[in-house]
Amino acid sequence: MATGELGDLGGYYFRFLPQKTFQSLSSKEITSRLRQWSMLGRIKAQAFGFDQTFQSYRKDDFVMDSAGMCYPSAKNHEQTFSYFIVDPIRRHLHVLYHCYGVGDMS
């Protein structure tokens, strides 16, 4: 799901919201726990806005394109994951993700 990417089925248009911060990931307690599990610098959170009304029955169209899995990586691995939180009223999407083999070791 790239910024400004439009799906094949008249899909959603996403715009990155760089001003949105996730203070919970930078708290002292959470930072300590992420470091303990070697996830500090490897787990990321991003926010996007989208242009259409979210329909739960179209959830697969929302998170995939015609090539199948696309976020956070097209390469499948058991330690690659993403969680999507959709706010259908504000049309915001929050994503917490980890790509195996990507990131900094701290």
Protein backbone atom coordinates (compact mmCIF):
# COMPACT_ATOMS: atom_id res chain seq x y z
CA MET A 1 0.00 0.00 0.00
CA ALA A 2 2.00 2.93 -1.25
CA THR A 3 1.02 6.52 -0.72
CA GLY A 4 -1.37 7.49 -3.46
CA GLU A 5 -1.81 3.93 -4.72
CA LEU A 6 -5.21 3.20 -6.27
CA GLY A 7 -6.45 -0.36 -6.31
CA ASP A 8 -7.65 -2.20 -9.45
CA LEU A 9 -11.25 -2.48 -8.24
CA GLY A 10 -11.85 1.23 -7.85
CA GLY A 11 -10.05 0.79 -4.56
CA TYR A 12 -8.98 3.16 -1.87
CA TYR A 13 -6.59 6.06 -2.27
CA PHE A 14 -4.25 6.35 0.75
CA ARG A 15 -2.33 9.43 1.83
CA PHE A 16 0.44 9.24 4.40
CA LEU A 17 -0.10 11.37 7.53
CA PRO A 18 3.47 12.17 8.68
CA GLN A 19 2.30 14.62 11.37
CA LYS A 20 0.61 11.76 13.29
CA THR A 21 2.86 10.53 16.09
CA PHE A 22 2.57 7.47 18.29
CA GLN A 23 3.80 8.57 21.71
CA SER A 24 2.95 5.21 23.25
CA LEU A 25 5.81 3.59 21.30
CA SER A 26 8.33 6.04 22.78
CA SER A 27 7.39 5.80 26.46
CA LYS A 28 10.14 4.58 28.78
CA GLU A 29 8.29 1.38 29.74
CA ILE A 30 7.44 0.40 26.17
CA THR A 31 10.93 1.26 24.92
CA SER A 32 12.40 -1.01 27.59
CA ARG A 33 10.09 -3.89 26.59
CA LEU A 34 10.82 -3.45 22.89
CA ARG A 35 14.56 -3.49 23.63
CA GLN A 36 14.14 -6.65 25.73
CA TRP A 37 12.64 -8.47 22.72
CA SER A 38 15.07 -6.88 20.17
CA MET A 39 12.16 -5.03 18.57
CA LEU A 40 13.32 -1.49 19.33
CA GLY A 41 13.91 0.22 15.99
CA ARG A 42 12.30 -2.69 14.13
CA ILE A 43 8.61 -2.20 14.88
CA LYS A 44 6.99 0.79 13.19
CA ALA A 45 3.70 2.65 13.27
CA GLN A 46 2.25 4.80 10.50
CA ALA A 47 -0.98 6.68 9.88
CA PHE A 48 -2.83 7.09 6.60
CA GLY A 49 -5.99 8.81 5.50
CA PHE A 50 -8.23 7.23 2.87
CA ASP A 51 -10.81 8.59 0.47
CA GLN A 52 -13.82 6.24 0.57
CA THR A 53 -16.28 5.00 3.13
CA PHE A 54 -14.92 1.85 4.74
CA GLN A 55 -17.08 -1.21 4.15
CA SER A 56 -16.20 -4.21 6.32
CA TYR A 57 -17.24 -6.67 3.61
CA ARG A 58 -14.51 -5.10 1.37
CA LYS A 59 -11.76 -5.50 3.97
CA ASP A 60 -9.60 -7.63 1.65
CA ASP A 61 -9.74 -4.92 -1.03
CA PHE A 62 -8.73 -2.46 1.65
CA VAL A 63 -5.48 -4.20 2.62
CA MET A 64 -4.49 -6.10 -0.56
CA ASP A 65 -3.98 -5.29 -4.18
CA SER A 66 -4.22 -7.69 -7.22
CA ALA A 67 -0.86 -9.29 -6.33
CA GLY A 68 -2.10 -10.52 -2.95
CA MET A 69 -0.34 -9.59 0.26
CA CYS A 70 1.33 -6.21 -0.12
CA TYR A 71 1.79 -4.70 3.33
CA PRO A 72 4.19 -4.54 5.07
CA SER A 73 6.03 -6.82 2.65
CA ALA A 74 5.17 -8.91 -0.38
CA LYS A 75 7.61 -11.55 0.93
CA ASN A 76 5.92 -13.93 3.36
CA HIS A 77 7.66 -14.77 6.65
CA GLU A 78 6.28 -15.97 9.98
CA GLN A 79 7.82 -12.97 11.79
CA THR A 80 6.44 -10.36 9.38
CA PHE A 81 3.13 -8.92 10.57
CA SER A 82 0.93 -5.87 10.50
CA TYR A 83 -2.07 -4.75 12.52
CA PHE A 84 -4.59 -2.37 10.99
CA ILE A 85 -6.84 -0.12 13.06
CA VAL A 86 -9.51 1.57 10.98
CA ASP A 87 -11.39 4.68 12.08
CA PRO A 88 -14.26 4.72 9.56
CA ILE A 89 -15.63 8.07 10.79
CA ARG A 90 -12.40 10.06 10.39
CA ARG A 91 -11.26 7.83 7.50
CA HIS A 92 -7.93 7.15 9.18
CA LEU A 93 -5.92 3.98 9.19
CA HIS A 94 -3.26 3.25 11.82
CA VAL A 95 -0.76 0.51 11.04
CA LEU A 96 1.63 -1.20 13.44
CA TYR A 97 4.03 -3.44 11.55
CA HIS A 98 7.26 -5.41 11.53
CA CYS A 99 9.14 -6.75 8.49
CA TYR A 100 11.48 -9.62 9.30
CA GLY A 101 15.10 -8.75 8.61
CA VAL A 102 14.49 -5.00 8.36
CA GLY A 103 15.42 -2.41 10.98
CA ASP A 104 18.10 -1.42 13.43
CA MET A 105 19.49 -3.54 16.23
CA SER A 106 19.61 -1.54 19.47
